[in-house]
Amino acid sequence: MERPELQRMLEELEEGDMVIIHEISRLSRSTKDLLAIVGTIQSKGAVFNSLTDKWLDLSDDSPISKLLFTIFFRSFTV
């Protein structure tokens, strides 16, 4: 599936930017794609936050958020 606006946003991200989504399902319907998208966001030095999925707030260096993200998505990729 082509998503030109998503690709444009990912290309234009800069360090310190924040990506805010309403909920995970609006960003990706596949765990594999979600991991790739969040990985791209983080590799550019940007942060990620979901308004609906409060546990998925990677906008700060909270060890709890990182732990929950890792546990949740590892369970889908193992």
PDB file of N, CA and C in Angstrom:
ATOM      1  N   MET A   1       0.837  -1.177   0.000  1.00  0.00           N
ATOM      2  CA  MET A   1       0.000   0.000   0.000  1.00  0.00           C
ATOM      3  C   MET A   1       0.889   1.250   0.000  1.00  0.00           C
ATOM      4  N   GLU A   2       0.603   2.146  -0.899  1.00  0.00           N
ATOM      5  CA  GLU A   2       1.363   3.393  -0.962  1.00  0.00           C
ATOM      6  C   GLU A   2       0.768   4.406   0.016  1.00  0.00           C
ATOM      7  N   ARG A   3       1.661   5.066   0.713  1.00  0.00           N
ATOM      8  CA  ARG A   3       1.235   6.108   1.661  1.00  0.00           C
ATOM      9  C   ARG A   3       2.174   7.292   1.497  1.00  0.00           C
ATOM     10  N   PRO A   4       1.963   8.068   0.434  1.00  0.00           N
ATOM     11  CA  PRO A   4       2.901   9.143   0.115  1.00  0.00           C
ATOM     12  C   PRO A   4       3.049  10.196   1.204  1.00  0.00           C
ATOM     13  N   GLU A   5       1.984  10.526   1.911  1.00  0.00           N
ATOM     14  CA  GLU A   5       2.088  11.551   2.961  1.00  0.00           C
ATOM     15  C   GLU A   5       2.884  11.034   4.152  1.00  0.00           C
ATOM     16  N   LEU A   6       2.710   9.768   4.488  1.00  0.00           N
ATOM     17  CA  LEU A   6       3.507   9.168   5.556  1.00  0.00           C
ATOM     18  C   LEU A   6       4.977   9.162   5.165  1.00  0.00           C
ATOM     19  N   GLN A   7       5.265   8.759   3.934  1.00  0.00           N
ATOM     20  CA  GLN A   7       6.655   8.739   3.470  1.00  0.00           C
ATOM     21  C   GLN A   7       7.261  10.135   3.488  1.00  0.00           C
ATOM     22  N   ARG A   8       6.480  11.125   3.063  1.00  0.00           N
ATOM     23  CA  ARG A   8       6.972  12.512   3.076  1.00  0.00           C
ATOM     24  C   ARG A   8       7.271  12.978   4.498  1.00  0.00           C
ATOM     25  N   MET A   9       6.369  12.661   5.432  1.00  0.00           N
ATOM     26  CA  MET A   9       6.581  13.046   6.826  1.00  0.00           C
ATOM     27  C   MET A   9       7.851  12.397   7.368  1.00  0.00           C
ATOM     28  N   LEU A  10       8.032  11.102   7.099  1.00  0.00           N
ATOM     29  CA  LEU A  10       9.220  10.403   7.590  1.00  0.00           C
ATOM     30  C   LEU A  10      10.505  10.987   6.986  1.00  0.00           C
ATOM     31  N   GLU A  11      10.454  11.363   5.723  1.00  0.00           N
ATOM     32  CA  GLU A  11      11.622  11.951   5.065  1.00  0.00           C
ATOM     33  C   GLU A  11      11.965  13.319   5.628  1.00  0.00           C
ATOM     34  N   GLU A  12      10.966  14.078   6.034  1.00  0.00           N
ATOM     35  CA  GLU A  12      11.183  15.455   6.494  1.00  0.00           C
ATOM     36  C   GLU A  12      11.447  15.566   7.995  1.00  0.00           C
ATOM     37  N   LEU A  13      11.376  14.453   8.721  1.00  0.00           N
ATOM     38  CA  LEU A  13      11.614  14.497  10.162  1.00  0.00           C
ATOM     39  C   LEU A  13      13.020  14.978  10.480  1.00  0.00           C
ATOM     40  N   GLU A  14      13.110  15.754  11.533  1.00  0.00           N
ATOM     41  CA  GLU A  14      14.401  16.237  12.009  1.00  0.00           C
ATOM     42  C   GLU A  14      14.522  15.932  13.493  1.00  0.00           C
ATOM     43  N   GLU A  15      15.740  15.959  13.982  1.00  0.00           N
ATOM     44  CA  GLU A  15      15.979  15.715  15.396  1.00  0.00           C
ATOM     45  C   GLU A  15      15.163  16.694  16.236  1.00  0.00           C
ATOM     46  N   GLY A  16      14.494  16.166  17.249  1.00  0.00           N
ATOM     47  CA  GLY A  16      13.680  16.999  18.131  1.00  0.00           C
ATOM     48  C   GLY A  16      12.225  17.106  17.731  1.00  0.00           C
ATOM     49  N   ASP A  17      11.861  16.639  16.526  1.00  0.00           N
ATOM     50  CA  ASP A  17      10.462  16.659  16.106  1.00  0.00           C
ATOM     51  C   ASP A  17       9.659  15.659  16.922  1.00  0.00           C
ATOM     52  N   MET A  18       8.351  15.889  17.000  1.00  0.00           N
ATOM     53  CA  MET A  18       7.454  14.950  17.677  1.00  0.00           C
ATOM     54  C   MET A  18       6.362  14.521  16.704  1.00  0.00           C
ATOM     55  N   VAL A  19       6.197  13.221  16.563  1.00  0.00           N
ATOM     56  CA  VAL A  19       5.125  12.658  15.742  1.00  0.00           C
ATOM     57  C   VAL A  19       3.997  12.279  16.695  1.00  0.00           C
ATOM     58  N   ILE A  20       2.825  12.874  16.483  1.00  0.00           N
ATOM     59  CA  ILE A  20       1.671  12.603  17.326  1.00  0.00           C
ATOM     60  C   ILE A  20       0.597  11.959  16.455  1.00  0.00           C
ATOM     61  N   ILE A  21       0.105  10.804  16.915  1.00  0.00           N
ATOM     62  CA  ILE A  21      -0.969  10.126  16.200  1.00  0.00           C
ATOM     63  C   ILE A  21      -2.159   9.980  17.136  1.00  0.00           C
ATOM     64  N   HIS A  22      -3.332   9.801  16.546  1.00  0.00           N
ATOM     65  CA  HIS A  22      -4.526   9.606  17.365  1.00  0.00           C
ATOM     66  C   HIS A  22      -4.500   8.229  18.019  1.00  0.00           C
ATOM     67  N   GLU A  23      -4.269   7.190  17.228  1.00  0.00           N
ATOM     68  CA  GLU A  23      -4.152   5.837  17.773  1.00  0.00           C
ATOM     69  C   GLU A  23      -3.307   4.995  16.826  1.00  0.00           C
ATOM     70  N   ILE A  24      -2.796   3.900  17.344  1.00  0.00           N
ATOM     71  CA  ILE A  24      -1.871   3.049  16.593  1.00  0.00           C
ATOM     72  C   ILE A  24      -2.464   2.607  15.250  1.00  0.00           C
ATOM     73  N   SER A  25      -3.739   2.252  15.243  1.00  0.00           N
ATOM     74  CA  SER A  25      -4.351   1.728  14.022  1.00  0.00           C
ATOM     75  C   SER A  25      -4.376   2.756  12.898  1.00  0.00           C
ATOM     76  N   ARG A  26      -4.223   4.038  13.217  1.00  0.00           N
ATOM     77  CA  ARG A  26      -4.190   5.067  12.173  1.00  0.00           C
ATOM     78  C   ARG A  26      -2.810   5.154  11.524  1.00  0.00           C
ATOM     79  N   LEU A  27      -1.808   4.636  12.203  1.00  0.00           N
ATOM     80  CA  LEU A  27      -0.453   4.673  11.664  1.00  0.00           C
ATOM     81  C   LEU A  27      -0.125   3.389  10.919  1.00  0.00           C
ATOM     82  N   SER A  28      -0.533   2.256  11.472  1.00  0.00           N
ATOM     83  CA  SER A  28      -0.192   0.979  10.869  1.00  0.00           C
ATOM     84  C   SER A  28      -1.158  -0.097  11.325  1.00  0.00           C
ATOM     85  N   ARG A  29      -1.450  -1.004  10.433  1.00  0.00           N
ATOM     86  CA  ARG A  29      -2.288  -2.158  10.784  1.00  0.00           C
ATOM     87  C   ARG A  29      -1.442  -3.406  10.959  1.00  0.00           C
ATOM     88  N   SER A  30      -0.162  -3.280  10.739  1.00  0.00           N
ATOM     89  CA  SER A  30       0.758  -4.410  10.835  1.00  0.00           C
ATOM     90  C   SER A  30       1.828  -4.101  11.877  1.00  0.00           C
ATOM     91  N   THR A  31       2.091  -5.045  12.748  1.00  0.00           N
ATOM     92  CA  THR A  31       3.128  -4.863  13.768  1.00  0.00           C
ATOM     93  C   THR A  31       4.482  -4.635  13.114  1.00  0.00           C
ATOM     94  N   LYS A  32       4.762  -5.388  12.070  1.00  0.00           N
ATOM     95  CA  LYS A  32       6.035  -5.247  11.367  1.00  0.00           C
ATOM     96  C   LYS A  32       6.210  -3.821  10.829  1.00  0.00           C
ATOM     97  N   ASP A  33       5.170  -3.302  10.190  1.00  0.00           N
ATOM     98  CA  ASP A  33       5.235  -1.931   9.670  1.00  0.00           C
ATOM     99  C   ASP A  33       5.345  -0.906  10.789  1.00  0.00           C
ATOM    100  N   LEU A  34       4.606  -1.118  11.869  1.00  0.00           N
ATOM    101  CA  LEU A  34       4.658  -0.181  12.988  1.00  0.00           C
ATOM    102  C   LEU A  34       6.061  -0.116  13.581  1.00  0.00           C
ATOM    103  N   LEU A  35       6.677  -1.274  13.757  1.00  0.00           N
ATOM    104  CA  LEU A  35       8.048  -1.295  14.281  1.00  0.00           C
ATOM    105  C   LEU A  35       9.006  -0.566  13.355  1.00  0.00           C
ATOM    106  N   ALA A  36       8.840  -0.761  12.042  1.00  0.00           N
ATOM    107  CA  ALA A  36       9.700  -0.080  11.070  1.00  0.00           C
ATOM    108  C   ALA A  36       9.484   1.432  11.111  1.00  0.00           C
ATOM    109  N   ILE A  37       8.231   1.866  11.192  1.00  0.00           N
ATOM    110  CA  ILE A  37       7.921   3.296  11.216  1.00  0.00           C
ATOM    111  C   ILE A  37       8.468   3.945  12.480  1.00  0.00           C
ATOM    112  N   VAL A  38       8.211   3.332  13.628  1.00  0.00           N
ATOM    113  CA  VAL A  38       8.719   3.886  14.887  1.00  0.00           C
ATOM    114  C   VAL A  38      10.247   3.866  14.896  1.00  0.00           C
ATOM    115  N   GLY A  39      10.843   2.824  14.334  1.00  0.00           N
ATOM    116  CA  GLY A  39      12.307   2.765  14.227  1.00  0.00           C
ATOM    117  C   GLY A  39      12.854   3.907  13.390  1.00  0.00           C
ATOM    118  N   THR A  40      12.181   4.220  12.287  1.00  0.00           N
ATOM    119  CA  THR A  40      12.603   5.339  11.437  1.00  0.00           C
ATOM    120  C   THR A  40      12.479   6.653  12.190  1.00  0.00           C
ATOM    121  N   ILE A  41      11.373   6.833  12.890  1.00  0.00           N
ATOM    122  CA  ILE A  41      11.159   8.057  13.666  1.00  0.00           C
ATOM    123  C   ILE A  41      12.280   8.230  14.692  1.00  0.00           C
ATOM    124  N   GLN A  42      12.575   7.170  15.430  1.00  0.00           N
ATOM    125  CA  GLN A  42      13.602   7.249  16.462  1.00  0.00           C
ATOM    126  C   GLN A  42      14.998   7.416  15.866  1.00  0.00           C
ATOM    127  N   SER A  43      15.258   6.794  14.734  1.00  0.00           N
ATOM    128  CA  SER A  43      16.592   6.904  14.132  1.00  0.00           C
ATOM    129  C   SER A  43      16.892   8.320  13.656  1.00  0.00           C
ATOM    130  N   LYS A  44      15.843   9.100  13.408  1.00  0.00           N
ATOM    131  CA  LYS A  44      16.027  10.493  12.988  1.00  0.00           C
ATOM    132  C   LYS A  44      16.092  11.442  14.172  1.00  0.00           C
ATOM    133  N   GLY A  45      16.020  10.885  15.391  1.00  0.00           N
ATOM    134  CA  GLY A  45      16.104  11.723  16.583  1.00  0.00           C
ATOM    135  C   GLY A  45      14.782  12.356  16.969  1.00  0.00           C
ATOM    136  N   ALA A  46      13.701  11.894  16.356  1.00  0.00           N
ATOM    137  CA  ALA A  46      12.373  12.408  16.677  1.00  0.00           C
ATOM    138  C   ALA A  46      11.735  11.503  17.727  1.00  0.00           C
ATOM    139  N   VAL A  47      10.640  11.962  18.310  1.00  0.00           N
ATOM    140  CA  VAL A  47       9.928  11.179  19.313  1.00  0.00           C
ATOM    141  C   VAL A  47       8.517  10.892  18.819  1.00  0.00           C
ATOM    142  N   PHE A  48       7.837   9.971  19.487  1.00  0.00           N
ATOM    143  CA  PHE A  48       6.569   9.426  19.040  1.00  0.00           C
ATOM    144  C   PHE A  48       5.586   9.412  20.199  1.00  0.00           C
ATOM    145  N   ASN A  49       4.323   9.789  19.926  1.00  0.00           N
ATOM    146  CA  ASN A  49       3.308   9.799  20.968  1.00  0.00           C
ATOM    147  C   ASN A  49       1.956   9.461  20.365  1.00  0.00           C
ATOM    148  N   SER A  50       1.214   8.580  21.040  1.00  0.00           N
ATOM    149  CA  SER A  50      -0.143   8.241  20.650  1.00  0.00           C
ATOM    150  C   SER A  50      -1.099   8.868  21.657  1.00  0.00           C
ATOM    151  N   LEU A  51      -2.087   9.621  21.177  1.00  0.00           N
ATOM    152  CA  LEU A  51      -3.029  10.288  22.070  1.00  0.00           C
ATOM    153  C   LEU A  51      -3.982   9.302  22.742  1.00  0.00           C
ATOM    154  N   THR A  52      -4.397   8.275  22.033  1.00  0.00           N
ATOM    155  CA  THR A  52      -5.341   7.310  22.572  1.00  0.00           C
ATOM    156  C   THR A  52      -4.649   6.216  23.371  1.00  0.00           C
ATOM    157  N   ASP A  53      -3.535   5.734  22.865  1.00  0.00           N
ATOM    158  CA  ASP A  53      -2.788   4.655  23.516  1.00  0.00           C
ATOM    159  C   ASP A  53      -1.748   5.275  24.437  1.00  0.00           C
ATOM    160  N   LYS A  54      -2.194   5.696  25.619  1.00  0.00           N
ATOM    161  CA  LYS A  54      -1.329   6.444  26.547  1.00  0.00           C
ATOM    162  C   LYS A  54      -0.065   5.677  26.935  1.00  0.00           C
ATOM    163  N   TRP A  55      -0.122   4.351  26.926  1.00  0.00           N
ATOM    164  CA  TRP A  55       1.068   3.564  27.269  1.00  0.00           C
ATOM    165  C   TRP A  55       2.145   3.703  26.198  1.00  0.00           C
ATOM    166  N   LEU A  56       1.734   4.135  24.982  1.00  0.00           N
ATOM    167  CA  LEU A  56       2.683   4.272  23.883  1.00  0.00           C
ATOM    168  C   LEU A  56       3.091   5.733  23.742  1.00  0.00           C
ATOM    169  N   ASP A  57       3.846   6.201  24.700  1.00  0.00           N
ATOM    170  CA  ASP A  57       4.336   7.570  24.698  1.00  0.00           C
ATOM    171  C   ASP A  57       5.850   7.518  24.756  1.00  0.00           C
ATOM    172  N   LEU A  58       6.472   7.643  23.598  1.00  0.00           N
ATOM    173  CA  LEU A  58       7.925   7.611  23.526  1.00  0.00           C
ATOM    174  C   LEU A  58       8.483   9.016  23.361  1.00  0.00           C
ATOM    175  N   SER A  59       7.737  10.000  23.896  1.00  0.00           N
ATOM    176  CA  SER A  59       8.131  11.393  23.728  1.00  0.00           C
ATOM    177  C   SER A  59       9.113  11.866  24.791  1.00  0.00           C
ATOM    178  N   ASP A  60       9.398  11.032  25.751  1.00  0.00           N
ATOM    179  CA  ASP A  60      10.407  11.384  26.741  1.00  0.00           C
ATOM    180  C   ASP A  60      11.292  10.160  26.963  1.00  0.00           C
ATOM    181  N   ASP A  61      12.186  10.248  27.867  1.00  0.00           N
ATOM    182  CA  ASP A  61      13.084   9.123  28.120  1.00  0.00           C
ATOM    183  C   ASP A  61      12.567   8.228  29.235  1.00  0.00           C
ATOM    184  N   SER A  62      11.256   8.129  29.351  1.00  0.00           N
ATOM    185  CA  SER A  62      10.661   7.323  30.410  1.00  0.00           C
ATOM    186  C   SER A  62      11.018   5.845  30.234  1.00  0.00           C
ATOM    187  N   PRO A  63      11.701   5.278  31.208  1.00  0.00           N
ATOM    188  CA  PRO A  63      12.037   3.860  31.106  1.00  0.00           C
ATOM    189  C   PRO A  63      10.789   2.971  31.068  1.00  0.00           C
ATOM    190  N   ILE A  64       9.711   3.400  31.702  1.00  0.00           N
ATOM    191  CA  ILE A  64       8.473   2.615  31.713  1.00  0.00           C
ATOM    192  C   ILE A  64       7.882   2.539  30.305  1.00  0.00           C
ATOM    193  N   SER A  65       7.825   3.663  29.599  1.00  0.00           N
ATOM    194  CA  SER A  65       7.291   3.668  28.236  1.00  0.00           C
ATOM    195  C   SER A  65       8.126   2.792  27.321  1.00  0.00           C
ATOM    196  N   LYS A  66       9.437   2.906  27.433  1.00  0.00           N
ATOM    197  CA  LYS A  66      10.315   2.077  26.604  1.00  0.00           C
ATOM    198  C   LYS A  66      10.129   0.596  26.916  1.00  0.00           C
ATOM    199  N   LEU A  67       9.999   0.262  28.189  1.00  0.00           N
ATOM    200  CA  LEU A  67       9.798  -1.126  28.590  1.00  0.00           C
ATOM    201  C   LEU A  67       8.480  -1.659  28.028  1.00  0.00           C
ATOM    202  N   LEU A  68       7.400  -0.905  28.190  1.00  0.00           N
ATOM    203  CA  LEU A  68       6.101  -1.349  27.688  1.00  0.00           C
ATOM    204  C   LEU A  68       6.123  -1.526  26.180  1.00  0.00           C
ATOM    205  N   PHE A  69       6.731  -0.587  25.468  1.00  0.00           N
ATOM    206  CA  PHE A  69       6.833  -0.692  24.011  1.00  0.00           C
ATOM    207  C   PHE A  69       7.593  -1.956  23.625  1.00  0.00           C
ATOM    208  N   THR A  70       8.716  -2.193  24.277  1.00  0.00           N
ATOM    209  CA  THR A  70       9.540  -3.358  23.971  1.00  0.00           C
ATOM    210  C   THR A  70       8.790  -4.661  24.262  1.00  0.00           C
ATOM    211  N   ILE A  71       8.163  -4.749  25.421  1.00  0.00           N
ATOM    212  CA  ILE A  71       7.441  -5.970  25.798  1.00  0.00           C
ATOM    213  C   ILE A  71       6.259  -6.212  24.860  1.00  0.00           C
ATOM    214  N   PHE A  72       5.470  -5.185  24.627  1.00  0.00           N
ATOM    215  CA  PHE A  72       4.282  -5.339  23.790  1.00  0.00           C
ATOM    216  C   PHE A  72       4.636  -5.798  22.392  1.00  0.00           C
ATOM    217  N   PHE A  73       5.599  -5.151  21.774  1.00  0.00           N
ATOM    218  CA  PHE A  73       5.902  -5.482  20.399  1.00  0.00           C
ATOM    219  C   PHE A  73       6.798  -6.702  20.249  1.00  0.00           C
ATOM    220  N   ARG A  74       7.569  -7.012  21.251  1.00  0.00           N
ATOM    221  CA  ARG A  74       8.339  -8.274  21.223  1.00  0.00           C
ATOM    222  C   ARG A  74       7.379  -9.453  21.237  1.00  0.00           C
ATOM    223  N   SER A  75       6.277  -9.331  21.971  1.00  0.00           N
ATOM    224  CA  SER A  75       5.334 -10.438  22.054  1.00  0.00           C
ATOM    225  C   SER A  75       4.703 -10.729  20.693  1.00  0.00           C
ATOM    226  N   PHE A  76       4.656  -9.731  19.808  1.00  0.00           N
ATOM    227  CA  PHE A  76       4.097  -9.939  18.478  1.00  0.00           C
ATOM    228  C   PHE A  76       5.143 -10.403  17.464  1.00  0.00           C
ATOM    229  N   THR A  77       6.400 -10.179  17.752  1.00  0.00           N
ATOM    230  CA  THR A  77       7.433 -10.509  16.782  1.00  0.00           C
ATOM    231  C   THR A  77       8.147 -11.817  17.083  1.00  0.00           C
ATOM    232  N   VAL A  78       7.892 -12.397  18.227  1.00  0.00           N
ATOM    233  CA  VAL A  78       8.566 -13.655  18.586  1.00  0.00           C
ATOM    234  C   VAL A  78       7.818 -14.822  17.997  1.00  0.00           C
TER     235      VAL A  78
END
